[in-house]
Amino acid sequence: MDHYSMVLEAIQKLLSDIGQKDYADVVGECIEKWKQDGNSVMFGQEFSKNGRFADFRLDSSNISDPEKGFWTGQVLSALIAMSAQLSVFAQRGIEVNMDFMRKNFGAANEIMEASKCADCGRREATGMDIDKYISKIVIAKKIVDGMEKGDLAEQISSLTNMTAPEIERERRKTKTRLSNSGISFTENYGKVKRCIKCGSQNITEGKLLRSVRENVFVPLNK
């Protein structure tokens, strides 16, 4: 199965779906180059300072739902990273082993970012904090599943449309870990601007370390 072409086609479709036709067309050229002469370098070259993707930035604000905007951006970044990995394999003549991809593409985050009140020390995680924490492992699994089963487009769609059951499953697990740690969380998809305990607006970053012994987070930079 042509996994490299499959991933590029997923990138092309995603860019087209979010109204980035010019960039989608560039990816289309890379696909043709690959199919014609086995050149897997072109796509990466388009991200160099002289490439056509050099100034590309996904403006997720163009996507009406901020949650979908976040997941779309994360999925696109993951697909681009996957294409780079597959390109190296192709250049070295290495056949893709799905077991290797599962072990090496994506990993559970050890650190979760949350908000911390600099005045009273209260910590709080938002919906976006939770999604940032879970997205890497969820997206990696869905992409590799799609590559293995040949239904990558469907797997990607379930992520960008947020219908993938893994999203809610991992959210629930993370919320349970936060609750076990005595750390508040909110569904709000943005940044904490004011501490609801003391009213302070002096909000800083408070990192949380995932414990491997217990189902809790350990606060860092106390």
N, C-alpha and C. Protein backbone atom coordinates (compact mmCIF):
# COMPACT_ATOMS: atom_id res chain seq x y z
N MET A 1 0.84 -1.20 0.00
CA MET A 1 0.00 0.00 0.00
C MET A 1 0.88 1.25 0.00
N ASP A 2 0.50 2.24 -0.79
CA ASP A 2 1.28 3.47 -0.93
C ASP A 2 0.91 4.44 0.20
N HIS A 3 1.57 4.29 1.34
CA HIS A 3 1.24 5.10 2.50
C HIS A 3 1.61 6.57 2.32
N TYR A 4 2.73 6.82 1.64
CA TYR A 4 3.16 8.20 1.44
C TYR A 4 2.12 8.97 0.63
N SER A 5 1.68 8.38 -0.46
CA SER A 5 0.66 9.01 -1.28
C SER A 5 -0.63 9.19 -0.50
N MET A 6 -0.96 8.22 0.33
CA MET A 6 -2.18 8.28 1.12
C MET A 6 -2.17 9.48 2.07
N VAL A 7 -1.02 9.69 2.71
CA VAL A 7 -0.91 10.82 3.65
C VAL A 7 -0.96 12.15 2.92
N LEU A 8 -0.26 12.25 1.78
CA LEU A 8 -0.30 13.49 1.01
C LEU A 8 -1.72 13.78 0.52
N GLU A 9 -2.43 12.77 0.13
CA GLU A 9 -3.81 12.97 -0.33
C GLU A 9 -4.70 13.44 0.82
N ALA A 10 -4.42 12.96 2.02
CA ALA A 10 -5.17 13.41 3.19
C ALA A 10 -4.90 14.89 3.47
N ILE A 11 -3.63 15.29 3.32
CA ILE A 11 -3.27 16.70 3.50
C ILE A 11 -3.96 17.55 2.44
N GLN A 12 -3.91 17.09 1.20
CA GLN A 12 -4.54 17.82 0.10
C GLN A 12 -6.04 18.02 0.36
N LYS A 13 -6.72 16.96 0.79
CA LYS A 13 -8.16 17.05 1.04
C LYS A 13 -8.46 17.99 2.20
N LEU A 14 -7.66 17.90 3.25
CA LEU A 14 -7.88 18.75 4.41
C LEU A 14 -7.71 20.22 4.06
N LEU A 15 -6.66 20.53 3.30
CA LEU A 15 -6.44 21.92 2.88
C LEU A 15 -7.58 22.40 2.00
N SER A 16 -8.04 21.54 1.12
CA SER A 16 -9.16 21.91 0.25
C SER A 16 -10.42 22.15 1.06
N ASP A 17 -10.66 21.30 2.07
CA ASP A 17 -11.87 21.41 2.89
C ASP A 17 -11.92 22.72 3.68
N ILE A 18 -10.75 23.26 4.02
CA ILE A 18 -10.74 24.50 4.81
C ILE A 18 -10.48 25.72 3.93
N GLY A 19 -10.66 25.56 2.63
CA GLY A 19 -10.58 26.70 1.72
C GLY A 19 -9.19 27.12 1.31
N GLN A 20 -8.20 26.25 1.46
CA GLN A 20 -6.82 26.58 1.08
C GLN A 20 -6.49 25.89 -0.24
N LYS A 21 -7.23 26.25 -1.29
CA LYS A 21 -7.10 25.56 -2.58
C LYS A 21 -5.71 25.68 -3.19
N ASP A 22 -5.10 26.87 -3.10
CA ASP A 22 -3.78 27.05 -3.70
C ASP A 22 -2.76 26.10 -3.08
N TYR A 23 -2.81 25.97 -1.76
CA TYR A 23 -1.88 25.06 -1.10
C TYR A 23 -2.24 23.61 -1.39
N ALA A 24 -3.54 23.33 -1.50
CA ALA A 24 -3.96 21.97 -1.85
C ALA A 24 -3.43 21.59 -3.23
N ASP A 25 -3.40 22.55 -4.14
CA ASP A 25 -2.89 22.29 -5.48
C ASP A 25 -1.39 21.99 -5.46
N VAL A 26 -0.67 22.65 -4.57
CA VAL A 26 0.77 22.39 -4.44
C VAL A 26 0.99 20.94 -4.00
N VAL A 27 0.19 20.50 -3.05
CA VAL A 27 0.31 19.12 -2.58
C VAL A 27 -0.03 18.16 -3.71
N GLY A 28 -1.02 18.55 -4.53
CA GLY A 28 -1.38 17.73 -5.69
C GLY A 28 -0.20 17.54 -6.62
N GLU A 29 0.59 18.59 -6.83
CA GLU A 29 1.78 18.49 -7.67
C GLU A 29 2.80 17.53 -7.05
N CYS A 30 2.91 17.58 -5.73
CA CYS A 30 3.85 16.69 -5.03
C CYS A 30 3.42 15.23 -5.18
N ILE A 31 2.12 15.01 -5.15
CA ILE A 31 1.60 13.65 -5.33
C ILE A 31 1.93 13.13 -6.72
N GLU A 32 1.73 13.98 -7.72
CA GLU A 32 2.03 13.59 -9.10
C GLU A 32 3.51 13.31 -9.28
N LYS A 33 4.34 14.14 -8.65
CA LYS A 33 5.79 13.95 -8.74
C LYS A 33 6.17 12.60 -8.14
N TRP A 34 5.57 12.27 -7.03
CA TRP A 34 5.86 11.01 -6.36
C TRP A 34 5.42 9.82 -7.22
N LYS A 35 4.24 9.91 -7.79
CA LYS A 35 3.71 8.80 -8.58
C LYS A 35 4.44 8.62 -9.91
N GLN A 36 4.95 9.74 -10.44
CA GLN A 36 5.62 9.67 -11.73
C GLN A 36 7.05 9.14 -11.63
N ASP A 37 7.81 9.66 -10.70
CA ASP A 37 9.22 9.26 -10.64
C ASP A 37 9.73 8.90 -9.24
N GLY A 38 8.80 8.70 -8.30
CA GLY A 38 9.22 8.27 -6.97
C GLY A 38 9.95 9.33 -6.17
N ASN A 39 9.72 10.61 -6.50
CA ASN A 39 10.38 11.71 -5.79
C ASN A 39 9.58 12.04 -4.53
N SER A 40 10.14 11.69 -3.36
CA SER A 40 9.46 11.98 -2.10
C SER A 40 10.04 13.20 -1.41
N VAL A 41 10.91 13.91 -2.11
CA VAL A 41 11.59 15.07 -1.51
C VAL A 41 10.82 16.36 -1.74
N MET A 42 10.06 16.43 -2.80
CA MET A 42 9.44 17.68 -3.22
C MET A 42 8.57 18.33 -2.14
N PHE A 43 7.75 17.52 -1.47
CA PHE A 43 6.85 18.10 -0.48
C PHE A 43 7.63 18.79 0.63
N GLY A 44 8.69 18.15 1.11
CA GLY A 44 9.52 18.77 2.14
C GLY A 44 10.20 20.04 1.64
N GLN A 45 10.60 20.05 0.39
CA GLN A 45 11.25 21.24 -0.18
C GLN A 45 10.30 22.43 -0.22
N GLU A 46 9.01 22.15 -0.36
CA GLU A 46 8.03 23.24 -0.42
C GLU A 46 7.89 23.96 0.93
N PHE A 47 8.46 23.38 2.00
CA PHE A 47 8.43 24.03 3.31
C PHE A 47 9.74 24.77 3.62
N SER A 48 10.69 24.71 2.69
CA SER A 48 11.94 25.45 2.88
C SER A 48 11.66 26.94 2.70
N LYS A 49 12.65 27.77 2.98
CA LYS A 49 12.43 29.22 2.92
C LYS A 49 12.07 29.70 1.52
N ASN A 50 12.42 28.92 0.51
CA ASN A 50 12.08 29.29 -0.86
C ASN A 50 10.88 28.50 -1.39
N GLY A 51 10.31 27.65 -0.56
CA GLY A 51 9.18 26.83 -0.97
C GLY A 51 7.86 27.58 -0.87
N ARG A 52 6.84 27.02 -1.48
CA ARG A 52 5.54 27.69 -1.50
C ARG A 52 4.78 27.59 -0.18
N PHE A 53 5.23 26.73 0.71
CA PHE A 53 4.63 26.65 2.05
C PHE A 53 5.41 27.45 3.08
N ALA A 54 6.42 28.18 2.65
CA ALA A 54 7.30 28.88 3.59
C ALA A 54 6.54 29.82 4.51
N ASP A 55 5.53 30.48 4.00
CA ASP A 55 4.78 31.45 4.79
C ASP A 55 3.41 30.93 5.21
N PHE A 56 3.19 29.63 5.05
CA PHE A 56 1.87 29.08 5.37
C PHE A 56 1.63 29.06 6.87
N ARG A 57 0.48 29.58 7.27
CA ARG A 57 0.03 29.51 8.65
C ARG A 57 -1.45 29.20 8.63
N LEU A 58 -1.86 28.19 9.33
CA LEU A 58 -3.27 27.86 9.38
C LEU A 58 -3.98 28.84 10.30
N ASP A 59 -4.91 29.59 9.75
CA ASP A 59 -5.69 30.53 10.54
C ASP A 59 -6.95 29.82 11.00
N SER A 60 -6.87 29.21 12.19
CA SER A 60 -8.01 28.44 12.68
C SER A 60 -9.20 29.33 13.02
N SER A 61 -8.99 30.65 13.07
CA SER A 61 -10.10 31.56 13.34
C SER A 61 -11.09 31.56 12.18
N ASN A 62 -10.65 31.08 11.01
CA ASN A 62 -11.57 30.99 9.87
C ASN A 62 -12.55 29.83 10.02
N ILE A 63 -12.28 28.96 11.00
CA ILE A 63 -13.17 27.85 11.29
C ILE A 63 -14.07 28.29 12.43
N SER A 64 -15.37 28.29 12.20
CA SER A 64 -16.32 28.89 13.14
C SER A 64 -16.24 28.33 14.55
N ASP A 65 -16.07 27.04 14.69
CA ASP A 65 -16.01 26.41 16.00
C ASP A 65 -14.56 26.36 16.47
N PRO A 66 -14.22 27.00 17.59
CA PRO A 66 -12.81 27.03 18.03
C PRO A 66 -12.25 25.65 18.34
N GLU A 67 -13.10 24.73 18.80
CA GLU A 67 -12.62 23.38 19.08
C GLU A 67 -12.25 22.68 17.78
N LYS A 68 -13.10 22.81 16.77
CA LYS A 68 -12.79 22.20 15.47
C LYS A 68 -11.56 22.86 14.86
N GLY A 69 -11.42 24.16 15.07
CA GLY A 69 -10.24 24.86 14.57
C GLY A 69 -8.97 24.31 15.19
N PHE A 70 -9.01 24.07 16.49
CA PHE A 70 -7.84 23.51 17.18
C PHE A 70 -7.50 22.13 16.65
N TRP A 71 -8.50 21.25 16.58
CA TRP A 71 -8.24 19.87 16.15
C TRP A 71 -7.80 19.82 14.69
N THR A 72 -8.36 20.69 13.85
CA THR A 72 -7.94 20.73 12.45
C THR A 72 -6.47 21.10 12.34
N GLY A 73 -6.05 22.10 13.10
CA GLY A 73 -4.66 22.51 13.08
C GLY A 73 -3.72 21.42 13.57
N GLN A 74 -4.13 20.73 14.62
CA GLN A 74 -3.30 19.65 15.16
C GLN A 74 -3.20 18.48 14.19
N VAL A 75 -4.32 18.16 13.54
CA VAL A 75 -4.32 17.06 12.57
C VAL A 75 -3.42 17.39 11.39
N LEU A 76 -3.51 18.62 10.89
CA LEU A 76 -2.69 19.02 9.75
C LEU A 76 -1.21 18.94 10.11
N SER A 77 -0.84 19.41 11.29
CA SER A 77 0.56 19.36 11.72
C SER A 77 1.04 17.91 11.82
N ALA A 78 0.18 17.04 12.34
CA ALA A 78 0.55 15.62 12.49
C ALA A 78 0.73 14.95 11.14
N LEU A 79 -0.14 15.27 10.19
CA LEU A 79 -0.03 14.69 8.85
C LEU A 79 1.25 15.15 8.16
N ILE A 80 1.59 16.41 8.33
CA ILE A 80 2.82 16.93 7.73
C ILE A 80 4.04 16.23 8.35
N ALA A 81 4.01 16.03 9.68
CA ALA A 81 5.10 15.32 10.34
C ALA A 81 5.19 13.88 9.86
N MET A 82 4.04 13.25 9.67
CA MET A 82 4.02 11.88 9.17
C MET A 82 4.58 11.80 7.75
N SER A 83 4.22 12.77 6.92
CA SER A 83 4.73 12.77 5.54
C SER A 83 6.25 12.89 5.53
N ALA A 84 6.79 13.69 6.44
CA ALA A 84 8.24 13.86 6.51
C ALA A 84 8.90 12.54 6.89
N GLN A 85 8.28 11.81 7.82
CA GLN A 85 8.82 10.53 8.25
C GLN A 85 8.77 9.51 7.12
N LEU A 86 7.65 9.48 6.42
CA LEU A 86 7.50 8.54 5.32
C LEU A 86 8.43 8.88 4.15
N SER A 87 8.68 10.18 3.97
CA SER A 87 9.59 10.62 2.91
C SER A 87 10.99 10.07 3.16
N VAL A 88 11.43 10.13 4.40
CA VAL A 88 12.76 9.61 4.75
C VAL A 88 12.81 8.11 4.49
N PHE A 89 11.76 7.41 4.89
CA PHE A 89 11.71 5.97 4.65
C PHE A 89 11.82 5.67 3.16
N ALA A 90 11.07 6.44 2.35
CA ALA A 90 11.07 6.21 0.90
C ALA A 90 12.45 6.45 0.30
N GLN A 91 13.10 7.52 0.76
CA GLN A 91 14.43 7.84 0.23
C GLN A 91 15.45 6.76 0.58
N ARG A 92 15.26 6.11 1.70
CA ARG A 92 16.19 5.07 2.15
C ARG A 92 15.76 3.68 1.71
N GLY A 93 14.63 3.61 1.01
CA GLY A 93 14.15 2.32 0.53
C GLY A 93 13.65 1.42 1.64
N ILE A 94 13.17 2.03 2.73
CA ILE A 94 12.69 1.26 3.87
C ILE A 94 11.17 1.06 3.76
N GLU A 95 10.76 -0.18 3.85
CA GLU A 95 9.33 -0.47 3.79
C GLU A 95 8.69 -0.13 5.13
N VAL A 96 7.54 0.51 5.08
CA VAL A 96 6.88 0.96 6.30
C VAL A 96 6.36 -0.24 7.09
N ASN A 97 6.73 -0.28 8.34
CA ASN A 97 6.24 -1.31 9.26
C ASN A 97 5.27 -0.64 10.22
N MET A 98 4.01 -1.06 10.21
CA MET A 98 3.00 -0.38 11.00
C MET A 98 3.25 -0.52 12.50
N ASP A 99 3.84 -1.62 12.93
CA ASP A 99 4.17 -1.77 14.34
C ASP A 99 5.17 -0.70 14.77
N PHE A 100 6.14 -0.45 13.89
CA PHE A 100 7.13 0.60 14.17
C PHE A 100 6.45 1.96 14.25
N MET A 101 5.52 2.23 13.32
CA MET A 101 4.84 3.51 13.30
C MET A 101 4.02 3.72 14.57
N ARG A 102 3.38 2.66 15.03
CA ARG A 102 2.57 2.77 16.25
C ARG A 102 3.44 3.09 17.46
N LYS A 103 4.63 2.52 17.50
CA LYS A 103 5.51 2.73 18.64
C LYS A 103 6.21 4.08 18.61
N ASN A 104 6.39 4.64 17.41
CA ASN A 104 7.24 5.83 17.29
C ASN A 104 6.53 7.10 16.83
N PHE A 105 5.30 6.98 16.38
CA PHE A 105 4.58 8.18 15.93
C PHE A 105 3.56 8.56 16.98
N GLY A 106 3.85 9.66 17.69
CA GLY A 106 2.96 10.11 18.75
C GLY A 106 3.27 9.40 20.06
N ALA A 107 3.11 10.12 21.15
CA ALA A 107 3.35 9.55 22.47
C ALA A 107 2.52 10.33 23.48
N ALA A 108 2.17 9.65 24.56
CA ALA A 108 1.38 10.32 25.60
C ALA A 108 2.19 11.46 26.22
N ASN A 109 1.55 12.57 26.45
CA ASN A 109 2.21 13.70 27.08
C ASN A 109 2.46 13.41 28.56
N GLU A 110 3.64 13.76 29.03
CA GLU A 110 3.93 13.63 30.45
C GLU A 110 3.53 14.90 31.20
N ILE A 111 3.52 16.02 30.46
CA ILE A 111 3.24 17.32 31.07
C ILE A 111 1.95 17.90 30.51
N MET A 112 1.11 18.39 31.40
CA MET A 112 -0.10 19.10 30.98
C MET A 112 0.02 20.55 31.41
N GLU A 113 -0.34 21.44 30.52
CA GLU A 113 -0.32 22.86 30.84
C GLU A 113 -1.68 23.27 31.40
N ALA A 114 -1.65 24.07 32.42
CA ALA A 114 -2.87 24.59 33.03
C ALA A 114 -2.59 26.02 33.47
N SER A 115 -3.57 26.64 34.07
CA SER A 115 -3.40 28.01 34.56
C SER A 115 -3.18 28.00 36.07
N LYS A 116 -2.43 28.98 36.54
CA LYS A 116 -2.15 29.09 37.97
C LYS A 116 -2.26 30.55 38.38
N CYS A 117 -3.00 30.81 39.45
CA CYS A 117 -3.09 32.17 39.98
C CYS A 117 -1.81 32.48 40.73
N ALA A 118 -1.12 33.52 40.32
CA ALA A 118 0.15 33.87 40.94
C ALA A 118 -0.03 34.40 42.36
N ASP A 119 -1.27 34.79 42.70
CA ASP A 119 -1.51 35.36 44.03
C ASP A 119 -1.93 34.32 45.06
N CYS A 120 -2.89 33.46 44.71
CA CYS A 120 -3.35 32.48 45.70
C CYS A 120 -2.94 31.05 45.37
N GLY A 121 -2.41 30.83 44.17
CA GLY A 121 -1.90 29.51 43.80
C GLY A 121 -2.93 28.56 43.24
N ARG A 122 -4.18 29.00 43.08
CA ARG A 122 -5.20 28.11 42.55
C ARG A 122 -4.89 27.71 41.11
N ARG A 123 -5.07 26.43 40.80
CA ARG A 123 -4.81 25.92 39.45
C ARG A 123 -6.12 25.53 38.79
N GLU A 124 -6.17 25.73 37.49
CA GLU A 124 -7.38 25.40 36.74
C GLU A 124 -7.02 25.02 35.31
N ALA A 125 -7.65 23.99 34.80
CA ALA A 125 -7.45 23.55 33.42
C ALA A 125 -8.70 23.87 32.61
N THR A 126 -8.51 24.34 31.40
CA THR A 126 -9.63 24.64 30.52
C THR A 126 -9.83 23.50 29.52
N GLY A 127 -10.92 23.61 28.76
CA GLY A 127 -11.16 22.62 27.72
C GLY A 127 -10.02 22.57 26.72
N MET A 128 -9.43 23.71 26.41
CA MET A 128 -8.32 23.73 25.47
C MET A 128 -7.08 23.08 26.09
N ASP A 129 -6.84 23.31 27.38
CA ASP A 129 -5.71 22.67 28.04
C ASP A 129 -5.83 21.15 27.94
N ILE A 130 -7.03 20.66 28.18
CA ILE A 130 -7.28 19.22 28.13
C ILE A 130 -7.05 18.68 26.73
N ASP A 131 -7.57 19.39 25.72
CA ASP A 131 -7.40 18.93 24.34
C ASP A 131 -5.95 18.97 23.90
N LYS A 132 -5.20 19.97 24.35
CA LYS A 132 -3.77 20.02 24.02
C LYS A 132 -3.05 18.81 24.62
N TYR A 133 -3.49 18.42 25.78
CA TYR A 133 -2.86 17.29 26.47
C TYR A 133 -3.15 15.96 25.77
N ILE A 134 -4.38 15.77 25.30
CA ILE A 134 -4.77 14.47 24.73
C ILE A 134 -4.59 14.37 23.22
N SER A 135 -4.49 15.49 22.54
CA SER A 135 -4.58 15.47 21.08
C SER A 135 -3.47 14.69 20.39
N LYS A 136 -2.26 14.77 20.88
CA LYS A 136 -1.13 14.14 20.20
C LYS A 136 -1.33 12.63 20.08
N ILE A 137 -1.69 11.99 21.20
CA ILE A 137 -1.81 10.54 21.18
C ILE A 137 -3.07 10.10 20.43
N VAL A 138 -4.15 10.86 20.57
CA VAL A 138 -5.40 10.52 19.87
C VAL A 138 -5.20 10.61 18.36
N ILE A 139 -4.60 11.70 17.91
CA ILE A 139 -4.41 11.91 16.47
C ILE A 139 -3.44 10.88 15.89
N ALA A 140 -2.37 10.61 16.59
CA ALA A 140 -1.39 9.63 16.11
C ALA A 140 -2.06 8.27 15.90
N LYS A 141 -2.85 7.85 16.86
CA LYS A 141 -3.52 6.55 16.76
C LYS A 141 -4.47 6.51 15.56
N LYS A 142 -5.25 7.56 15.37
CA LYS A 142 -6.22 7.58 14.28
C LYS A 142 -5.53 7.59 12.93
N ILE A 143 -4.43 8.32 12.81
CA ILE A 143 -3.71 8.36 11.53
C ILE A 143 -3.13 6.99 11.20
N VAL A 144 -2.49 6.36 12.18
CA VAL A 144 -1.89 5.05 11.92
C VAL A 144 -2.99 4.02 11.65
N ASP A 145 -4.09 4.10 12.38
CA ASP A 145 -5.23 3.22 12.09
C ASP A 145 -5.68 3.37 10.65
N GLY A 146 -5.81 4.63 10.21
CA GLY A 146 -6.26 4.91 8.86
C GLY A 146 -5.30 4.42 7.80
N MET A 147 -4.01 4.53 8.08
CA MET A 147 -3.00 4.04 7.15
C MET A 147 -3.08 2.52 7.03
N GLU A 148 -3.27 1.87 8.16
CA GLU A 148 -3.28 0.41 8.18
C GLU A 148 -4.54 -0.15 7.53
N LYS A 149 -5.67 0.50 7.79
CA LYS A 149 -6.96 0.00 7.29
C LYS A 149 -7.33 0.55 5.92
N GLY A 150 -6.59 1.57 5.45
CA GLY A 150 -6.90 2.16 4.16
C GLY A 150 -8.08 3.10 4.18
N ASP A 151 -8.43 3.60 5.36
CA ASP A 151 -9.55 4.55 5.46
C ASP A 151 -9.12 5.85 6.14
N LEU A 152 -7.92 6.33 5.76
CA LEU A 152 -7.36 7.51 6.41
C LEU A 152 -8.27 8.73 6.30
N ALA A 153 -8.89 8.93 5.14
CA ALA A 153 -9.78 10.08 4.97
C ALA A 153 -10.91 10.07 5.99
N GLU A 154 -11.48 8.90 6.24
CA GLU A 154 -12.57 8.79 7.20
C GLU A 154 -12.08 9.05 8.63
N GLN A 155 -10.89 8.54 8.94
CA GLN A 155 -10.33 8.74 10.27
C GLN A 155 -10.04 10.22 10.52
N ILE A 156 -9.50 10.88 9.49
CA ILE A 156 -9.20 12.31 9.61
C ILE A 156 -10.49 13.11 9.79
N SER A 157 -11.50 12.77 9.02
CA SER A 157 -12.78 13.47 9.12
C SER A 157 -13.38 13.33 10.51
N SER A 158 -13.23 12.16 11.12
CA SER A 158 -13.78 11.96 12.47
C SER A 158 -13.07 12.83 13.49
N LEU A 159 -11.82 13.18 13.22
CA LEU A 159 -11.08 14.07 14.12
C LEU A 159 -11.46 15.53 13.91
N THR A 160 -11.46 15.97 12.67
CA THR A 160 -11.75 17.39 12.40
C THR A 160 -13.21 17.72 12.68
N ASN A 161 -14.10 16.73 12.56
CA ASN A 161 -15.51 16.94 12.89
C ASN A 161 -15.80 16.59 14.34
N MET A 162 -14.78 16.09 15.04
CA MET A 162 -14.85 15.76 16.46
C MET A 162 -15.91 14.71 16.76
N THR A 163 -16.03 13.73 15.87
CA THR A 163 -16.94 12.61 16.10
C THR A 163 -16.20 11.35 16.55
N ALA A 164 -14.87 11.40 16.56
CA ALA A 164 -14.08 10.25 16.98
C ALA A 164 -14.33 9.97 18.46
N PRO A 165 -14.77 8.78 18.81
CA PRO A 165 -15.06 8.47 20.22
C PRO A 165 -13.85 8.59 21.13
N GLU A 166 -12.65 8.45 20.54
CA GLU A 166 -11.43 8.55 21.36
C GLU A 166 -11.28 9.92 22.00
N ILE A 167 -11.81 10.96 21.35
CA ILE A 167 -11.68 12.31 21.90
C ILE A 167 -12.38 12.41 23.24
N GLU A 168 -13.66 12.04 23.29
CA GLU A 168 -14.41 12.13 24.54
C GLU A 168 -13.87 11.15 25.58
N ARG A 169 -13.42 9.99 25.12
CA ARG A 169 -12.88 9.00 26.05
C ARG A 169 -11.65 9.54 26.77
N GLU A 170 -10.73 10.14 26.00
CA GLU A 170 -9.51 10.68 26.60
C GLU A 170 -9.80 11.93 27.43
N ARG A 171 -10.79 12.70 27.02
CA ARG A 171 -11.19 13.85 27.83
C ARG A 171 -11.68 13.40 29.20
N ARG A 172 -12.52 12.37 29.21
CA ARG A 172 -13.05 11.87 30.49
C ARG A 172 -11.94 11.36 31.39
N LYS A 173 -11.01 10.63 30.80
CA LYS A 173 -9.89 10.09 31.59
C LYS A 173 -9.06 11.22 32.20
N THR A 174 -8.85 12.28 31.42
CA THR A 174 -8.04 13.40 31.91
C THR A 174 -8.78 14.16 33.00
N LYS A 175 -10.07 14.33 32.84
CA LYS A 175 -10.87 15.03 33.85
C LYS A 175 -10.88 14.24 35.16
N THR A 176 -10.93 12.92 35.05
CA THR A 176 -10.87 12.09 36.25
C THR A 176 -9.54 12.27 36.96
N ARG A 177 -8.46 12.31 36.17
CA ARG A 177 -7.13 12.50 36.76
C ARG A 177 -7.04 13.87 37.44
N LEU A 178 -7.61 14.89 36.79
CA LEU A 178 -7.62 16.23 37.40
C LEU A 178 -8.41 16.23 38.70
N SER A 179 -9.59 15.59 38.68
CA SER A 179 -10.41 15.54 39.89
C SER A 179 -9.69 14.83 41.02
N ASN A 180 -9.02 13.73 40.69
CA ASN A 180 -8.26 12.99 41.70
C ASN A 180 -7.14 13.84 42.29
N SER A 181 -6.71 14.83 41.53
CA SER A 181 -5.60 15.69 41.96
C SER A 181 -6.09 16.94 42.68
N GLY A 182 -7.41 17.11 42.77
CA GLY A 182 -7.96 18.30 43.41
C GLY A 182 -7.78 19.55 42.57
N ILE A 183 -7.68 19.38 41.25
CA ILE A 183 -7.48 20.52 40.34
C ILE A 183 -8.76 20.77 39.57
N SER A 184 -9.22 22.01 39.61
CA SER A 184 -10.46 22.38 38.95
C SER A 184 -10.29 22.40 37.44
N PHE A 185 -11.38 22.19 36.73
CA PHE A 185 -11.35 22.32 35.27
C PHE A 185 -12.67 22.89 34.79
N THR A 186 -12.61 23.50 33.63
CA THR A 186 -13.77 24.13 33.04
C THR A 186 -13.88 23.72 31.58
N GLU A 187 -15.09 23.77 31.03
CA GLU A 187 -15.29 23.45 29.62
C GLU A 187 -14.91 24.63 28.74
N ASN A 188 -14.66 25.78 29.33
CA ASN A 188 -14.33 26.98 28.56
C ASN A 188 -13.14 26.71 27.64
N TYR A 189 -13.29 27.09 26.36
CA TYR A 189 -12.24 26.82 25.38
C TYR A 189 -11.43 28.09 25.15
N GLY A 190 -10.60 28.39 26.10
CA GLY A 190 -9.77 29.58 25.98
C GLY A 190 -8.85 29.66 27.18
N LYS A 191 -8.35 30.83 27.49
CA LYS A 191 -7.44 31.01 28.60
C LYS A 191 -8.19 31.55 29.81
N VAL A 192 -7.70 31.16 30.99
CA VAL A 192 -8.25 31.70 32.23
C VAL A 192 -7.75 33.14 32.38
N LYS A 193 -8.68 34.06 32.58
CA LYS A 193 -8.29 35.47 32.69
C LYS A 193 -8.39 36.00 34.11
N ARG A 194 -9.22 35.35 34.93
CA ARG A 194 -9.40 35.81 36.30
C ARG A 194 -9.57 34.61 37.23
N CYS A 195 -8.93 34.67 38.38
CA CYS A 195 -9.06 33.61 39.36
C CYS A 195 -10.41 33.72 40.06
N ILE A 196 -11.20 32.63 40.03
CA ILE A 196 -12.52 32.69 40.65
C ILE A 196 -12.44 32.55 42.18
N LYS A 197 -11.25 32.26 42.70
CA LYS A 197 -11.09 32.13 44.14
C LYS A 197 -10.78 33.48 44.78
N CYS A 198 -9.80 34.21 44.22
CA CYS A 198 -9.41 35.47 44.85
C CYS A 198 -9.67 36.69 43.97
N GLY A 199 -10.07 36.47 42.71
CA GLY A 199 -10.38 37.58 41.82
C GLY A 199 -9.19 38.18 41.11
N SER A 200 -8.01 37.64 41.36
CA SER A 200 -6.80 38.18 40.73
C SER A 200 -6.79 37.92 39.23
N GLN A 201 -6.21 38.86 38.49
CA GLN A 201 -6.01 38.68 37.05
C GLN A 201 -4.56 38.33 36.73
N ASN A 202 -3.80 38.08 37.78
CA ASN A 202 -2.39 37.73 37.62
C ASN A 202 -2.29 36.21 37.42
N ILE A 203 -2.60 35.79 36.21
CA ILE A 203 -2.65 34.37 35.89
C ILE A 203 -1.39 33.95 35.14
N THR A 204 -0.76 32.91 35.62
CA THR A 204 0.46 32.41 34.99
C THR A 204 0.26 30.94 34.57
N GLU A 205 1.31 30.35 34.05
CA GLU A 205 1.24 28.96 33.63
C GLU A 205 1.60 28.04 34.79
N GLY A 206 0.79 27.02 34.98
CA GLY A 206 1.08 26.05 36.04
C GLY A 206 1.15 24.65 35.45
N LYS A 207 2.32 24.12 35.29
CA LYS A 207 2.48 22.81 34.65
C LYS A 207 2.13 21.68 35.62
N LEU A 208 1.58 20.58 35.03
CA LEU A 208 1.20 19.41 35.80
C LEU A 208 1.91 18.19 35.23
N LEU A 209 2.50 17.39 36.10
CA LEU A 209 3.21 16.18 35.68
C LEU A 209 2.31 14.96 35.89
N ARG A 210 2.18 14.15 34.86
CA ARG A 210 1.38 12.93 34.96
C ARG A 210 2.13 11.89 35.80
N SER A 211 1.50 11.47 36.88
CA SER A 211 2.11 10.46 37.74
C SER A 211 1.98 9.09 37.08
N VAL A 212 3.02 8.28 37.20
CA VAL A 212 2.98 6.92 36.65
C VAL A 212 2.56 5.91 37.71
N ARG A 213 2.50 6.34 38.95
CA ARG A 213 2.14 5.44 40.05
C ARG A 213 0.67 5.55 40.42
N GLU A 214 0.12 6.74 40.31
CA GLU A 214 -1.27 6.96 40.66
C GLU A 214 -1.96 7.74 39.55
N ASN A 215 -3.28 7.67 39.53
CA ASN A 215 -4.05 8.36 38.50
C ASN A 215 -4.26 9.82 38.89
N VAL A 216 -3.15 10.54 39.02
CA VAL A 216 -3.18 11.95 39.43
C VAL A 216 -2.14 12.73 38.63
N PHE A 217 -2.25 14.06 38.75
CA PHE A 217 -1.22 14.97 38.25
C PHE A 217 -0.47 15.54 39.45
N VAL A 218 0.82 15.72 39.28
CA VAL A 218 1.63 16.34 40.31
C VAL A 218 1.97 17.76 39.88
N PRO A 219 1.53 18.79 40.62
CA PRO A 219 1.82 20.18 40.24
C PRO A 219 3.32 20.46 40.23
N LEU A 220 3.78 21.11 39.18
CA LEU A 220 5.17 21.56 39.13
C LEU A 220 5.21 23.06 39.39
N ASN A 221 6.38 23.63 39.42
CA ASN A 221 6.61 25.06 39.72
C ASN A 221 5.61 25.60 40.75
N LYS A 222 5.63 24.95 41.93
CA LYS A 222 4.68 25.33 42.98
C LYS A 222 4.97 26.74 43.48
